[in-house]
Amino acid sequence: MLCSTCRLRPPVTDDGRCLLCAGPAGAAAPMPPAPMPPAFIAPQQYLRSPEGLAKAVVVLLTVVAAADVLAVAAGQNTRRVVAAGLEDDFATYDDAAASLADNLYATAGVLQTLVSLATGIVFIIWFRRVRLNAEVFDPSMQPMRPGWSIGAWFVPIANLVLPRRIAGGIWTASAQTNTDGSWRTVPATVMNLWWGFWVLSMVASQYATRQSWKAEQPQEILDTTALVMGSDVLDIVAAVFAVLFVRRLTRMQGERAALGTYPLGTPGVPGRADWGRAH
């Protein structure tokens, strides 16, 4: 709406005239309020809750630990059958018991493989989700681009180092929860224990599997079965610490999201209202 007289400036008087056209009456009129700038809306669509995925990962990791326990029990049963045969030079060797032990051991191995594959897929999806959130929290803390949260797991040898490096950046960005913008240091003990035992279990599993392929004599079978059982125990411990790591990091990201989507040094940025909604 413009001045009814000059049609150039906004009106300030009741009869629709501007400051200059109204003269003294215009000078006494209150100035119109300055237009408000458009509200800045943070790109909250990039911040998504990992809570649903975290719950699925925890359930699957629990199943992994249960499958490992079954594998250890099956391995112990196999050792018992073979050791019983060695005592009397297999004079009273029970073929039925040996066949049952082999079937149980093989079934436990297949179950471990299937459950581990499903868990790995869901875990990597969760890992990518928290990595993308960390990019919103503070990209300066991330040592590698977001795509490496998937690719790093499939690079031979390097997959023993790169995922832990990425996890460290996610952990640091997610720990920044002091409301004054300062950094909060959260001990990374759980993350380090998870990664350490996971690497140990992977290396031990590879070694034990290669040794079992070469085992032919009864004593060799006893020894390699013990190695496989040891790697399974390491995997159980790694699964326990993985559960603690997933739950802790997911909770940290929830706390961090409540303070705002951008680094805390950026004032006036709203938080994410629908963080609790799974996607």
Protein backbone atom coordinates (compact mmCIF):
# COMPACT_ATOMS: atom_id res chain seq x y z
CA MET A 1 0.00 0.00 0.00
CA LEU A 2 1.40 3.44 -1.01
CA CYS A 3 0.67 7.11 -0.19
CA SER A 4 -2.67 8.29 -1.57
CA THR A 5 -1.03 11.52 -2.80
CA CYS A 6 2.43 10.72 -4.23
CA ARG A 7 2.04 6.96 -4.69
CA LEU A 8 5.72 6.54 -3.83
CA ARG A 9 6.07 5.99 -0.07
CA PRO A 10 4.18 3.99 2.56
CA PRO A 11 1.38 5.86 4.35
CA VAL A 12 1.74 6.97 7.98
CA THR A 13 -1.49 8.93 8.63
CA ASP A 14 -5.09 7.85 8.98
CA ASP A 15 -6.02 9.44 5.64
CA GLY A 16 -3.38 7.43 3.80
CA ARG A 17 -0.65 10.06 3.24
CA CYS A 18 3.11 9.56 3.65
CA LEU A 19 5.48 11.47 5.94
CA LEU A 20 6.36 14.18 3.38
CA CYS A 21 2.88 14.67 1.92
CA ALA A 22 1.23 14.95 5.37
CA GLY A 23 3.62 17.69 6.59
CA PRO A 24 3.45 18.38 10.37
CA ALA A 25 0.76 15.72 10.81
CA GLY A 26 3.04 13.19 9.22
CA ALA A 27 5.94 14.10 11.45
CA ALA A 28 3.84 13.38 14.53
CA ALA A 29 2.62 10.02 13.22
CA PRO A 30 4.33 6.87 14.46
CA MET A 31 6.70 5.22 12.01
CA PRO A 32 5.56 1.88 10.61
CA PRO A 33 7.39 -1.09 12.08
CA ALA A 34 10.32 -2.36 10.07
CA PRO A 35 9.56 -5.59 8.24
CA MET A 36 10.86 -8.67 10.00
CA PRO A 37 13.45 -10.70 8.08
CA PRO A 38 12.34 -14.17 7.10
CA ALA A 39 13.00 -16.76 9.77
CA PHE A 40 15.99 -18.97 9.18
CA ILE A 41 15.08 -22.60 9.25
CA ALA A 42 17.88 -25.06 9.86
CA PRO A 43 18.09 -28.04 7.51
CA GLN A 44 16.72 -30.39 10.15
CA GLN A 45 15.86 -33.02 7.54
CA TYR A 46 19.51 -34.07 7.68
CA LEU A 47 19.34 -34.96 11.37
CA ARG A 48 17.57 -38.27 11.89
CA SER A 49 17.09 -40.37 14.97
CA PRO A 50 19.18 -43.58 15.17
CA GLU A 51 17.17 -44.96 18.08
CA GLY A 52 15.09 -47.45 16.08
CA LEU A 53 18.16 -48.82 14.32
CA ALA A 54 20.04 -48.94 17.63
CA LYS A 55 17.35 -51.13 19.17
CA ALA A 56 17.52 -53.50 16.20
CA VAL A 57 21.31 -53.67 16.45
CA VAL A 58 21.18 -54.43 20.17
CA VAL A 59 18.71 -57.27 19.60
CA LEU A 60 20.82 -58.75 16.81
CA LEU A 61 24.02 -58.46 18.84
CA THR A 62 22.29 -60.35 21.64
CA VAL A 63 21.40 -63.08 19.17
CA VAL A 64 25.02 -63.13 17.96
CA ALA A 65 26.22 -63.69 21.52
CA ALA A 66 23.64 -66.47 21.97
CA ALA A 67 24.78 -68.14 18.72
CA ASP A 68 28.38 -67.95 19.93
CA VAL A 69 27.42 -69.61 23.21
CA LEU A 70 25.78 -72.44 21.25
CA ALA A 71 28.90 -72.74 19.11
CA VAL A 72 31.10 -72.98 22.20
CA ALA A 73 28.83 -75.69 23.62
CA ALA A 74 28.90 -77.58 20.31
CA GLY A 75 32.67 -77.28 20.16
CA GLN A 76 33.02 -78.61 23.69
CA ASN A 77 30.79 -81.54 22.79
CA THR A 78 32.96 -82.30 19.75
CA ARG A 79 36.10 -82.22 21.88
CA ARG A 80 34.48 -84.56 24.40
CA VAL A 81 33.61 -87.12 21.71
CA VAL A 82 37.05 -86.98 20.10
CA ALA A 83 38.85 -87.12 23.46
CA ALA A 84 36.79 -90.16 24.47
CA GLY A 85 37.91 -91.93 21.30
CA LEU A 86 41.55 -91.08 21.90
CA GLU A 87 41.50 -92.65 25.37
CA ASP A 88 41.11 -96.19 24.03
CA ASP A 89 42.54 -95.62 20.56
CA PHE A 90 38.99 -95.47 19.13
CA ALA A 91 38.27 -99.11 20.06
CA THR A 92 34.83 -98.13 21.40
CA TYR A 93 34.30 -95.09 19.22
CA ASP A 94 30.62 -94.13 19.04
CA ASP A 95 29.89 -93.28 15.40
CA ALA A 96 26.38 -92.04 16.18
CA ALA A 97 27.63 -89.67 18.84
CA ALA A 98 30.40 -88.45 16.55
CA SER A 99 27.93 -87.83 13.70
CA LEU A 100 25.59 -85.93 16.02
CA ALA A 101 28.49 -83.83 17.32
CA ASP A 102 29.55 -82.97 13.77
CA ASN A 103 26.00 -81.99 12.81
CA LEU A 104 25.57 -79.79 15.88
CA TYR A 105 28.92 -78.13 15.29
CA ALA A 106 28.12 -77.45 11.62
CA THR A 107 24.64 -76.14 12.46
CA ALA A 108 26.07 -73.77 15.06
CA GLY A 109 28.55 -72.50 12.47
CA VAL A 110 25.82 -71.83 9.90
CA LEU A 111 23.72 -70.04 12.52
CA GLN A 112 26.68 -67.88 13.47
CA THR A 113 27.29 -66.94 9.84
CA LEU A 114 23.66 -65.97 9.12
CA VAL A 115 23.20 -63.97 12.31
CA SER A 116 26.54 -62.20 11.92
CA LEU A 117 25.68 -61.23 8.34
CA ALA A 118 22.31 -59.75 9.36
CA THR A 119 23.87 -57.95 12.31
CA GLY A 120 26.66 -56.52 10.16
CA ILE A 121 24.18 -55.07 7.66
CA VAL A 122 22.00 -53.40 10.29
CA PHE A 123 25.03 -52.21 12.27
CA ILE A 124 26.52 -50.49 9.20
CA ILE A 125 23.18 -48.80 8.48
CA TRP A 126 23.10 -47.53 12.07
CA PHE A 127 26.76 -46.48 11.80
CA ARG A 128 26.02 -44.46 8.66
CA ARG A 129 23.05 -42.79 10.39
CA VAL A 130 25.11 -41.61 13.38
CA ARG A 131 27.90 -40.51 11.02
CA LEU A 132 25.48 -38.32 9.04
CA ASN A 133 24.20 -36.84 12.30
CA ALA A 134 27.77 -36.09 13.35
CA GLU A 135 28.23 -34.20 10.07
CA VAL A 136 25.38 -31.91 11.14
CA PHE A 137 26.65 -31.59 14.72
CA ASP A 138 30.19 -30.61 13.74
CA PRO A 139 31.73 -31.55 10.38
CA SER A 140 35.14 -30.25 11.46
CA MET A 141 35.50 -33.22 13.81
CA GLN A 142 35.05 -35.82 11.05
CA PRO A 143 38.30 -37.27 9.63
CA MET A 144 36.69 -38.85 6.55
CA ARG A 145 33.74 -38.21 4.25
CA PRO A 146 30.35 -39.77 5.17
CA GLY A 147 30.54 -42.43 2.46
CA TRP A 148 33.47 -44.04 4.25
CA SER A 149 31.13 -45.02 7.09
CA ILE A 150 30.12 -47.84 4.74
CA GLY A 151 33.15 -48.30 2.51
CA ALA A 152 35.71 -48.47 5.32
CA TRP A 153 34.35 -51.85 6.46
CA PHE A 154 35.12 -53.50 3.12
CA VAL A 155 38.74 -52.42 2.58
CA PRO A 156 41.04 -55.36 3.43
CA ILE A 157 43.48 -54.70 6.29
CA ALA A 158 42.40 -51.05 6.47
CA ASN A 159 39.03 -52.18 7.88
CA LEU A 160 40.91 -52.95 11.09
CA VAL A 161 41.67 -49.23 11.53
CA LEU A 162 39.43 -46.94 9.45
CA PRO A 163 36.03 -47.65 11.10
CA ARG A 164 37.52 -46.89 14.52
CA ARG A 165 38.87 -43.61 13.19
CA ILE A 166 35.43 -42.68 11.88
CA ALA A 167 33.79 -43.74 15.14
CA GLY A 168 36.15 -41.44 17.03
CA GLY A 169 34.98 -38.43 15.02
CA ILE A 170 31.34 -39.37 15.59
CA TRP A 171 31.95 -39.78 19.31
CA THR A 172 33.68 -36.40 19.65
CA ALA A 173 30.97 -34.47 17.77
CA SER A 174 28.21 -36.22 19.70
CA ALA A 175 29.81 -35.50 23.09
CA GLN A 176 29.61 -31.71 22.70
CA THR A 177 26.69 -31.15 25.06
CA ASN A 178 27.70 -28.28 27.34
CA THR A 179 25.13 -25.52 26.88
CA ASP A 180 27.77 -22.77 27.05
CA GLY A 181 29.35 -24.06 23.83
CA SER A 182 32.35 -25.68 25.52
CA TRP A 183 33.42 -29.22 24.82
CA ARG A 184 32.44 -32.03 27.12
CA THR A 185 34.97 -34.84 27.30
CA VAL A 186 33.32 -38.24 27.42
CA PRO A 187 35.73 -41.15 28.06
CA ALA A 188 35.87 -43.42 25.03
CA THR A 189 36.57 -46.54 27.09
CA VAL A 190 33.50 -48.42 25.86
CA MET A 191 34.28 -47.64 22.24
CA ASN A 192 37.92 -48.68 22.60
CA LEU A 193 37.01 -51.94 24.31
CA TRP A 194 34.44 -52.75 21.65
CA TRP A 195 36.90 -52.10 18.85
CA GLY A 196 39.79 -53.89 20.52
CA PHE A 197 37.84 -57.08 21.21
CA TRP A 198 36.23 -56.98 17.77
CA VAL A 199 39.64 -56.83 16.07
CA LEU A 200 40.96 -59.60 18.32
CA SER A 201 37.98 -61.83 17.58
CA MET A 202 38.31 -61.24 13.82
CA VAL A 203 42.02 -62.07 13.79
CA ALA A 204 41.56 -65.08 16.07
CA SER A 205 38.64 -66.35 13.98
CA GLN A 206 40.62 -66.12 10.75
CA TYR A 207 43.58 -67.95 12.28
CA ALA A 208 41.44 -70.66 13.91
CA THR A 209 39.48 -71.25 10.70
CA ARG A 210 42.65 -71.67 8.63
CA GLN A 211 44.06 -74.08 11.18
CA SER A 212 40.84 -76.13 11.24
CA TRP A 213 40.98 -76.55 7.47
CA LYS A 214 44.34 -78.29 7.85
CA ALA A 215 43.39 -80.45 10.84
CA GLU A 216 43.19 -84.18 10.01
CA GLN A 217 44.46 -86.09 13.02
CA PRO A 218 42.33 -86.37 16.20
CA GLN A 219 44.75 -84.33 18.29
CA GLU A 220 44.82 -81.62 15.63
CA ILE A 221 41.02 -81.56 15.65
CA LEU A 222 41.04 -81.16 19.43
CA ASP A 223 43.52 -78.28 19.25
CA THR A 224 41.84 -76.39 16.41
CA THR A 225 38.40 -76.79 17.99
CA ALA A 226 39.79 -75.17 21.12
CA LEU A 227 41.11 -72.28 18.99
CA VAL A 228 37.70 -71.79 17.38
CA MET A 229 36.03 -71.84 20.79
CA GLY A 230 38.48 -69.20 22.00
CA SER A 231 37.62 -66.93 19.06
CA ASP A 232 33.92 -67.43 19.83
CA VAL A 233 34.48 -66.32 23.42
CA LEU A 234 36.24 -63.18 22.16
CA ASP A 235 33.27 -62.55 19.87
CA ILE A 236 30.88 -62.79 22.81
CA VAL A 237 32.89 -60.17 24.72
CA ALA A 238 33.04 -57.95 21.62
CA ALA A 239 29.25 -58.24 21.22
CA VAL A 240 28.69 -57.16 24.82
CA PHE A 241 30.87 -54.08 24.42
CA ALA A 242 29.27 -53.37 21.03
CA VAL A 243 25.86 -53.24 22.73
CA LEU A 244 27.22 -50.79 25.31
CA PHE A 245 28.84 -48.69 22.57
CA VAL A 246 25.68 -48.51 20.43
CA ARG A 247 23.47 -47.59 23.35
CA ARG A 248 25.91 -44.98 24.72
CA LEU A 249 26.53 -43.25 21.38
CA THR A 250 22.81 -43.23 20.51
CA ARG A 251 22.01 -41.64 23.88
CA MET A 252 24.79 -39.06 23.39
CA GLN A 253 23.38 -38.07 20.02
CA GLY A 254 19.93 -37.66 21.53
CA GLU A 255 21.34 -35.31 24.17
CA ARG A 256 23.32 -33.41 21.55
CA ALA A 257 20.31 -33.08 19.24
CA ALA A 258 18.30 -31.47 22.04
CA LEU A 259 20.73 -28.52 22.01
CA GLY A 260 20.52 -27.74 18.28
CA THR A 261 21.47 -29.14 14.94
CA TYR A 262 24.56 -27.01 14.29
CA PRO A 263 27.80 -26.69 16.29
CA LEU A 264 27.09 -25.01 19.60
CA GLY A 265 29.11 -21.97 18.61
CA THR A 266 26.34 -21.00 16.15
CA PRO A 267 23.72 -18.94 18.03
CA GLY A 268 20.01 -19.00 17.44
CA VAL A 269 19.74 -22.33 15.68
CA PRO A 270 16.70 -24.39 16.71
CA GLY A 271 16.93 -27.97 17.85
CA ARG A 272 15.22 -30.92 16.28
CA ALA A 273 11.71 -31.37 17.63
CA ASP A 274 11.06 -34.80 16.18
CA TRP A 275 14.33 -36.48 17.24
CA GLY A 276 12.50 -39.26 19.02
CA ARG A 277 10.75 -40.34 15.83
CA ALA A 278 12.40 -43.30 14.14
CA HIS A 279 13.01 -43.11 10.38
